[in-house]
Amino acid sequence: IEGFMPLTRSNVVAWSPAGDRLATGRGERESRVWQASMTDPLRWGSVATLSSHLGWVTAVAWSPDGKQLLTGNADGAVRIWEVSRESSPAANWDMVVNLPLPASVSGGVTSVGWSPDGNYIVSGNVDAMVCLWKHRGDRHDAAGHADGWVPVIVRKVHVGRVTTVAWSPDGKELLSAGEDPAACVWTQTALDGKETPVTLPHSDTAVEAACWAPESQRILTGSHDHLGRIWQASGDMWHLLADLRGHTAKITAVDWASSGDRVVTGGGDRTIRVWRAISSSRWDLMARLEGHTTVVSSVAWWPLGDWLASGSCDARTIVWQPNRSHPNQWEATSLSLAAVTRRPGTRVGIASPQRVRGHTGRGGGRGLR
């Protein structure tokens, strides 16, 4: 926004399942919920602040029904938030569950996820551990577990920091990525330790981000060697289908569009790149978006269409939207809370559209068989 200078960092983003709200995790021990204007989708306002955090908010995820928000923190805590029943849904969120990590886990949280059926919560951590909680009952569990959430699996799954944990959309498998370097696909049997997970090797380069395709049969990973990789399931195995070339620094964020034919990557080169499937093994660069001034740490497709949200350690959250008249050009709205200087008549906490560079191009999609 012209004239706006955010004072706090914003490095993680997540859309609500209905697409009507955007959650951000911020560096000054808070997360926020944003909502678009009913009259102008390029104007956004902060409608709630979740501020009872003791450390940097490093991960956010919505419950499948969109009624609760899950956050992970650098202090090692996992928390569940929901709208207070005693106030307006747009005004106040309360922390209803605090899931501290088990004693065997010493590192901060790097990633969190909620299973599609809402019965499991998972976190990935700095010390290579994954923690899995299961919901077992009402809010007043007789065993004393917070809100009925019970830790059922705590295990080391990578050699180094876990960078991603994500449930498959069909809920049958769990994806983890780390600094091994590898991404792993876990069935419930593998999580129980009765079989080994399927490993997606990455040739001595750390995997910084990973996500599922909507149909649960493909995976996108981003790694320190500047490459995005698309993997395809084949029975119980996975094979490399295509790579995405174009970033000039490590890829730190990825997401898959709900349409299944586009993916987005963000990286240390401060760019966001949108890729389109030409065939199963060929993906072309559709757009290169430039708006952040440092590493792009989070990207998320709008679940209902073409919008994108991105977060970065440059203290900006940006919502991107293709221009209706020129689909290959993108407009951007920067979400800011603090107005150091601003144009007359512009309200603090409201984001307005601005032009941010969005280039089109071809070329990043060399297929591997």
Protein backbone atom coordinates (compact mmCIF):
# COMPACT_ATOMS: atom_id res chain seq x y z
CA ILE A 1 0.00 0.00 0.00
CA GLU A 2 1.41 3.37 -0.91
CA GLY A 3 2.22 5.25 2.28
CA PHE A 4 1.92 2.20 4.54
CA MET A 5 4.77 0.65 6.50
CA PRO A 6 3.97 -2.47 8.55
CA LEU A 7 5.66 -2.68 11.93
CA THR A 8 5.28 -6.42 12.50
CA ARG A 9 6.43 -9.42 10.53
CA SER A 10 3.99 -11.76 8.85
CA ASN A 11 5.43 -15.03 7.64
CA VAL A 12 2.67 -17.66 7.47
CA VAL A 13 -0.75 -17.56 5.79
CA ALA A 14 -3.77 -19.90 5.54
CA TRP A 15 -7.22 -19.51 3.94
CA SER A 16 -10.32 -20.69 5.74
CA PRO A 17 -12.06 -23.62 3.99
CA ALA A 18 -14.88 -21.34 2.82
CA GLY A 19 -12.37 -18.82 1.49
CA ASP A 20 -13.97 -15.90 3.34
CA ARG A 21 -11.14 -15.34 5.83
CA LEU A 22 -7.36 -15.36 5.85
CA ALA A 23 -5.26 -16.22 8.89
CA THR A 24 -1.74 -14.87 9.28
CA GLY A 25 0.98 -15.71 11.76
CA ARG A 26 3.06 -12.77 12.84
CA GLY A 27 6.46 -12.35 14.44
CA GLU A 28 5.39 -10.33 17.46
CA ARG A 29 3.63 -13.21 19.23
CA GLU A 30 0.30 -12.82 17.52
CA SER A 31 -1.80 -14.14 14.70
CA ARG A 32 -4.65 -12.35 12.94
CA VAL A 33 -7.79 -13.13 11.01
CA TRP A 34 -8.56 -10.93 8.00
CA GLN A 35 -11.73 -10.56 5.96
CA ALA A 36 -12.36 -8.98 2.58
CA SER A 37 -14.75 -6.08 2.15
CA MET A 38 -18.21 -7.16 0.99
CA THR A 39 -18.20 -4.38 -1.60
CA ASP A 40 -14.57 -4.46 -2.73
CA PRO A 41 -12.66 -7.79 -2.69
CA LEU A 42 -9.37 -5.90 -2.95
CA ARG A 43 -9.96 -4.18 0.39
CA TRP A 44 -9.19 -6.21 3.50
CA GLY A 45 -9.63 -5.52 7.19
CA SER A 46 -8.24 -7.21 10.30
CA VAL A 47 -11.24 -8.59 12.19
CA ALA A 48 -9.54 -10.47 15.03
CA THR A 49 -6.26 -10.64 16.92
CA LEU A 50 -5.05 -13.83 18.63
CA SER A 51 -2.45 -12.48 21.01
CA SER A 52 -1.93 -14.92 23.89
CA HIS A 53 1.17 -16.40 22.28
CA LEU A 54 4.43 -16.76 24.17
CA GLY A 55 6.61 -17.09 21.11
CA TRP A 56 6.83 -16.37 17.41
CA VAL A 57 3.81 -17.77 15.53
CA THR A 58 5.38 -20.15 13.03
CA ALA A 59 2.37 -22.10 11.68
CA VAL A 60 -1.38 -21.70 11.21
CA ALA A 61 -4.09 -24.08 9.97
CA TRP A 62 -7.91 -24.06 9.95
CA SER A 63 -10.14 -26.84 11.18
CA PRO A 64 -12.05 -28.58 8.35
CA ASP A 65 -15.30 -26.80 9.30
CA GLY A 66 -13.59 -23.40 9.54
CA LYS A 67 -14.79 -22.82 13.11
CA GLN A 68 -11.42 -23.19 14.82
CA LEU A 69 -7.87 -22.08 14.12
CA LEU A 70 -4.73 -24.04 14.96
CA THR A 71 -1.44 -22.25 15.66
CA GLY A 72 2.10 -23.45 16.29
CA ASN A 73 4.75 -21.43 18.08
CA ALA A 74 8.50 -21.13 18.39
CA ASP A 75 8.06 -21.78 22.12
CA GLY A 76 6.87 -25.31 21.32
CA ALA A 77 3.15 -24.86 21.96
CA VAL A 78 0.22 -25.89 19.76
CA ARG A 79 -3.00 -24.00 20.43
CA ILE A 80 -6.61 -24.18 19.26
CA TRP A 81 -8.68 -20.99 18.97
CA GLU A 82 -12.36 -20.42 18.30
CA VAL A 83 -14.79 -17.53 18.11
CA SER A 84 -16.11 -16.56 21.52
CA ARG A 85 -19.75 -17.50 21.99
CA GLU A 86 -20.30 -14.36 24.04
CA SER A 87 -19.28 -11.84 21.42
CA SER A 88 -19.53 -11.07 17.74
CA PRO A 89 -17.82 -13.69 15.52
CA ALA A 90 -15.86 -10.91 13.88
CA ALA A 91 -14.64 -9.40 17.15
CA ASN A 92 -13.07 -11.93 19.47
CA TRP A 93 -11.35 -15.31 19.36
CA ASP A 94 -10.52 -17.30 22.49
CA MET A 95 -7.85 -19.91 23.07
CA VAL A 96 -9.77 -23.05 24.03
CA VAL A 97 -7.05 -25.70 23.99
CA ASN A 98 -3.34 -25.54 24.76
CA LEU A 99 -1.46 -28.63 23.60
CA PRO A 100 2.09 -28.34 24.95
CA LEU A 101 4.57 -30.65 23.33
CA PRO A 102 5.47 -33.87 25.20
CA ALA A 103 8.60 -33.82 27.35
CA SER A 104 10.54 -35.79 24.74
CA VAL A 105 10.17 -32.91 22.27
CA SER A 106 12.47 -29.95 22.86
CA GLY A 107 12.16 -27.89 19.69
CA GLY A 108 9.77 -25.23 18.50
CA VAL A 109 6.91 -25.95 16.11
CA THR A 110 7.59 -25.52 12.40
CA SER A 111 4.34 -26.78 10.83
CA VAL A 112 0.84 -27.85 11.90
CA GLY A 113 -2.04 -29.66 10.21
CA TRP A 114 -5.59 -30.82 10.86
CA SER A 115 -6.84 -34.09 9.37
CA PRO A 116 -9.76 -33.76 6.92
CA ASP A 117 -12.12 -35.55 9.32
CA GLY A 118 -11.13 -33.21 12.16
CA ASN A 119 -10.09 -36.06 14.47
CA TYR A 120 -6.30 -35.62 14.35
CA ILE A 121 -3.85 -32.77 14.78
CA VAL A 122 -0.20 -33.05 13.76
CA SER A 123 2.83 -30.85 14.33
CA GLY A 124 6.36 -30.90 12.94
CA ASN A 125 9.21 -29.59 15.05
CA VAL A 126 12.72 -28.21 14.94
CA ASP A 127 14.21 -31.29 16.63
CA ALA A 128 13.07 -33.66 13.82
CA MET A 129 10.03 -34.87 15.76
CA VAL A 130 6.41 -35.25 14.68
CA CYS A 131 3.60 -35.22 17.24
CA LEU A 132 0.14 -36.59 16.55
CA TRP A 133 -2.91 -35.93 18.74
CA LYS A 134 -6.26 -37.70 18.50
CA HIS A 135 -9.58 -36.29 19.64
CA ARG A 136 -11.23 -38.68 22.08
CA GLY A 137 -14.36 -37.24 23.55
CA ASP A 138 -15.92 -34.15 25.00
CA ARG A 139 -14.41 -30.99 26.40
CA HIS A 140 -14.00 -32.41 29.90
CA ASP A 141 -12.00 -35.58 29.39
CA ALA A 142 -11.99 -37.65 32.61
CA ALA A 143 -8.32 -38.47 32.06
CA GLY A 144 -7.47 -34.78 32.27
CA HIS A 145 -6.41 -34.37 28.64
CA ALA A 146 -7.04 -30.90 27.26
CA ASP A 147 -10.40 -30.85 25.49
CA GLY A 148 -10.18 -34.59 24.87
CA TRP A 149 -7.03 -34.29 22.71
CA VAL A 150 -4.61 -37.12 23.50
CA PRO A 151 -1.04 -37.49 22.14
CA VAL A 152 -0.95 -40.85 20.38
CA ILE A 153 2.30 -40.70 18.39
CA VAL A 154 5.55 -38.87 19.19
CA ARG A 155 8.47 -39.96 17.05
CA LYS A 156 11.53 -38.78 15.23
CA VAL A 157 10.86 -38.90 11.49
CA HIS A 158 13.72 -36.91 9.98
CA VAL A 159 17.39 -36.36 10.69
CA GLY A 160 17.09 -32.58 10.85
CA ARG A 161 14.37 -29.99 11.23
CA VAL A 162 10.90 -31.00 10.05
CA THR A 163 9.83 -28.34 7.56
CA THR A 164 6.35 -29.57 6.58
CA VAL A 165 3.57 -31.82 7.83
CA ALA A 166 0.42 -32.13 5.73
CA TRP A 167 -2.50 -34.57 5.55
CA SER A 168 -3.54 -35.89 2.17
CA PRO A 169 -6.94 -34.49 1.12
CA ASP A 170 -8.46 -37.98 1.38
CA GLY A 171 -7.09 -38.30 4.92
CA LYS A 172 -5.32 -41.60 4.31
CA GLU A 173 -1.69 -40.48 4.44
CA LEU A 174 0.57 -37.92 6.06
CA LEU A 175 3.31 -36.04 4.23
CA SER A 176 6.42 -34.83 6.04
CA ALA A 177 9.50 -33.06 4.73
CA GLY A 178 12.80 -32.20 6.34
CA GLU A 179 16.51 -31.55 6.09
CA ASP A 180 17.45 -35.25 5.60
CA PRO A 181 17.09 -34.47 2.65
CA ALA A 182 13.81 -36.20 1.92
CA ALA A 183 10.06 -36.04 1.91
CA CYS A 184 8.18 -39.00 3.37
CA VAL A 185 4.67 -40.39 2.86
CA TRP A 186 3.29 -42.11 5.96
CA THR A 187 0.36 -44.46 6.23
CA GLN A 188 -1.14 -45.11 9.65
CA THR A 189 0.78 -48.39 9.77
CA ALA A 190 4.03 -46.53 9.11
CA LEU A 191 3.24 -43.98 11.82
CA ASP A 192 2.68 -46.87 14.21
CA GLY A 193 6.19 -48.10 13.41
CA LYS A 194 5.06 -51.33 11.74
CA GLU A 195 6.42 -50.41 8.31
CA THR A 196 8.73 -47.83 6.82
CA PRO A 197 7.37 -44.73 5.05
CA VAL A 198 7.81 -44.19 1.34
CA THR A 199 10.70 -41.79 0.78
CA LEU A 200 10.93 -39.19 -1.98
CA PRO A 201 14.72 -38.63 -2.24
CA HIS A 202 16.13 -35.22 -3.13
CA SER A 203 19.82 -35.79 -3.94
CA ASP A 204 21.50 -34.22 -0.93
CA THR A 205 19.39 -31.07 -0.82
CA ALA A 206 17.08 -30.14 2.05
CA VAL A 207 13.34 -30.09 1.35
CA GLU A 208 11.94 -26.81 2.61
CA ALA A 209 8.27 -27.16 1.58
CA ALA A 210 5.81 -29.79 0.36
CA CYS A 211 2.10 -30.11 -0.36
CA TRP A 212 -0.51 -32.47 -1.83
CA ALA A 213 -2.48 -32.20 -5.06
CA PRO A 214 -6.27 -32.10 -4.57
CA GLU A 215 -6.73 -35.74 -5.64
CA SER A 216 -4.04 -37.05 -3.21
CA GLN A 217 -2.12 -38.72 -6.04
CA ARG A 218 0.57 -36.08 -6.61
CA ILE A 219 2.96 -34.17 -4.38
CA LEU A 220 4.87 -30.92 -4.94
CA THR A 221 8.14 -30.30 -3.11
CA GLY A 222 10.47 -27.31 -3.01
CA SER A 223 14.11 -27.64 -2.04
CA HIS A 224 17.38 -25.83 -1.46
CA ASP A 225 18.68 -26.66 -4.93
CA HIS A 226 16.20 -24.10 -6.39
CA LEU A 227 13.97 -26.81 -7.89
CA GLY A 228 10.32 -27.64 -7.51
CA ARG A 229 9.51 -31.30 -8.05
CA ILE A 230 6.21 -32.95 -8.90
CA TRP A 231 5.79 -36.57 -7.84
CA GLN A 232 3.15 -39.08 -8.95
CA ALA A 233 1.82 -42.04 -6.99
CA SER A 234 2.11 -45.41 -8.69
CA GLY A 235 0.68 -48.13 -6.49
CA ASP A 236 2.60 -48.02 -3.24
CA MET A 237 5.49 -46.10 -4.79
CA TRP A 238 6.11 -42.55 -5.97
CA HIS A 239 8.08 -41.48 -9.03
CA LEU A 240 9.37 -38.10 -10.16
CA LEU A 241 7.09 -36.72 -12.84
CA ALA A 242 8.43 -33.22 -13.57
CA ASP A 243 10.69 -30.52 -12.23
CA LEU A 244 10.11 -26.79 -12.14
CA ARG A 245 13.12 -24.63 -12.99
CA GLY A 246 13.35 -20.88 -12.69
CA HIS A 247 14.01 -19.83 -9.10
CA THR A 248 17.52 -18.50 -8.43
CA ALA A 249 17.49 -19.38 -4.72
CA LYS A 250 16.01 -22.10 -2.54
CA ILE A 251 12.24 -22.73 -2.77
CA THR A 252 10.71 -22.07 0.62
CA ALA A 253 6.93 -22.26 -0.01
CA VAL A 254 4.60 -24.26 -2.27
CA ASP A 255 0.89 -24.84 -2.79
CA TRP A 256 -1.43 -26.57 -5.25
CA ALA A 257 -4.54 -24.93 -6.71
CA SER A 258 -7.88 -26.65 -6.09
CA SER A 259 -8.33 -26.97 -9.87
CA GLY A 260 -5.32 -29.32 -9.93
CA ASP A 261 -3.75 -27.75 -13.03
CA ARG A 262 -1.70 -25.00 -11.38
CA VAL A 263 0.85 -24.76 -8.60
CA VAL A 264 2.65 -21.87 -6.95
CA THR A 265 6.17 -21.65 -5.55
CA GLY A 266 7.89 -18.94 -3.52
CA GLY A 267 11.55 -18.65 -2.75
CA GLY A 268 14.61 -17.00 -1.35
CA ASP A 269 14.90 -14.98 -4.55
CA ARG A 270 11.89 -12.95 -3.27
CA THR A 271 9.69 -14.05 -6.17
CA ILE A 272 6.46 -16.02 -6.45
CA ARG A 273 6.02 -18.17 -9.54
CA VAL A 274 2.77 -19.58 -10.88
CA TRP A 275 3.03 -22.74 -13.00
CA ARG A 276 0.46 -24.31 -15.31
CA ALA A 277 0.22 -27.94 -16.43
CA ILE A 278 0.65 -28.41 -20.18
CA SER A 279 0.77 -32.19 -19.82
CA SER A 280 1.33 -34.57 -16.92
CA SER A 281 5.10 -34.15 -17.18
CA ARG A 282 5.36 -30.59 -18.48
CA TRP A 283 4.63 -27.47 -16.46
CA ASP A 284 5.17 -23.99 -17.89
CA LEU A 285 5.81 -20.76 -16.06
CA MET A 286 2.58 -18.74 -16.14
CA ALA A 287 3.58 -15.69 -14.08
CA ARG A 288 6.39 -14.34 -11.94
CA LEU A 289 5.19 -12.06 -9.15
CA GLU A 290 7.47 -9.58 -7.45
CA GLY A 291 6.33 -7.71 -4.36
CA HIS A 292 8.28 -8.97 -1.36
CA THR A 293 11.69 -7.66 -0.38
CA THR A 294 12.99 -10.78 1.33
CA VAL A 295 12.35 -14.55 1.47
CA VAL A 296 8.81 -15.66 0.59
CA SER A 297 8.03 -17.99 3.48
CA SER A 298 4.39 -18.96 2.81
CA VAL A 299 2.00 -19.16 -0.15
CA ALA A 300 -1.62 -20.32 -0.27
CA TRP A 301 -4.16 -20.63 -3.08
CA TRP A 302 -7.64 -19.33 -2.42
CA PRO A 303 -9.83 -22.49 -2.17
CA LEU A 304 -12.49 -20.98 -4.46
CA GLY A 305 -10.44 -19.76 -7.38
CA ASP A 306 -7.51 -17.74 -8.62
CA TRP A 307 -6.44 -15.61 -5.67
CA LEU A 308 -3.14 -16.19 -3.92
CA ALA A 309 -1.91 -15.14 -0.50
CA SER A 310 1.77 -14.85 0.36
CA GLY A 311 3.71 -14.11 3.53
CA SER A 312 7.29 -13.05 4.02
CA CYS A 313 9.72 -11.93 6.68
CA ASP A 314 9.60 -8.46 5.10
CA ALA A 315 6.54 -7.80 7.31
CA ARG A 316 4.04 -8.03 4.46
CA THR A 317 1.12 -10.26 3.64
CA ILE A 318 -0.01 -9.88 0.04
CA VAL A 319 -3.21 -11.08 -1.63
CA TRP A 320 -2.76 -11.49 -5.40
CA GLN A 321 -5.52 -11.57 -7.99
CA PRO A 322 -5.39 -11.94 -11.81
CA ASN A 323 -6.58 -8.87 -13.67
CA ARG A 324 -10.04 -9.59 -15.14
CA SER A 325 -9.24 -7.92 -18.44
CA HIS A 326 -5.69 -9.29 -18.64
CA PRO A 327 -5.52 -12.65 -16.81
CA ASN A 328 -1.75 -12.87 -17.23
CA GLN A 329 -1.33 -9.67 -15.23
CA TRP A 330 -1.81 -9.73 -11.48
CA GLU A 331 -2.98 -7.11 -9.00
CA ALA A 332 -1.97 -7.16 -5.36
CA THR A 333 -3.31 -5.99 -2.04
CA SER A 334 -0.88 -5.63 0.86
CA LEU A 335 -2.36 -6.26 4.30
CA SER A 336 -0.95 -3.87 6.87
CA LEU A 337 -1.83 -3.09 10.45
CA ALA A 338 0.24 -0.03 11.25
CA ALA A 339 0.20 3.23 9.32
CA VAL A 340 3.38 5.19 9.87
CA THR A 341 2.42 7.54 7.08
CA ARG A 342 -0.71 7.25 5.01
CA ARG A 343 -2.81 9.02 2.48
CA PRO A 344 -5.68 11.15 3.83
CA GLY A 345 -8.90 9.21 4.27
CA THR A 346 -7.25 5.78 4.42
CA ARG A 347 -8.21 3.82 7.55
CA VAL A 348 -5.59 2.04 9.60
CA GLY A 349 -5.94 -1.74 9.32
CA ILE A 350 -7.60 -1.61 5.89
CA ALA A 351 -5.67 -2.77 2.85
CA SER A 352 -6.15 -1.16 -0.54
CA PRO A 353 -5.00 -2.35 -3.98
CA GLN A 354 -1.64 -1.44 -5.36
CA ARG A 355 0.21 -2.38 -8.52
CA VAL A 356 2.88 -4.98 -8.00
CA ARG A 357 4.97 -6.42 -10.77
CA GLY A 358 3.55 -9.59 -12.28
CA HIS A 359 5.39 -10.93 -15.29
CA THR A 360 4.29 -13.70 -17.62
CA GLY A 361 6.55 -16.21 -19.20
CA ARG A 362 7.12 -19.73 -20.40
CA GLY A 363 9.76 -22.19 -19.63
CA GLY A 364 10.12 -23.90 -16.27
CA GLY A 365 8.64 -27.33 -16.79
CA ARG A 366 11.13 -29.90 -18.02
CA GLY A 367 9.62 -33.32 -17.50
CA LEU A 368 11.45 -36.27 -16.04
CA ARG A 369 10.30 -39.79 -16.54
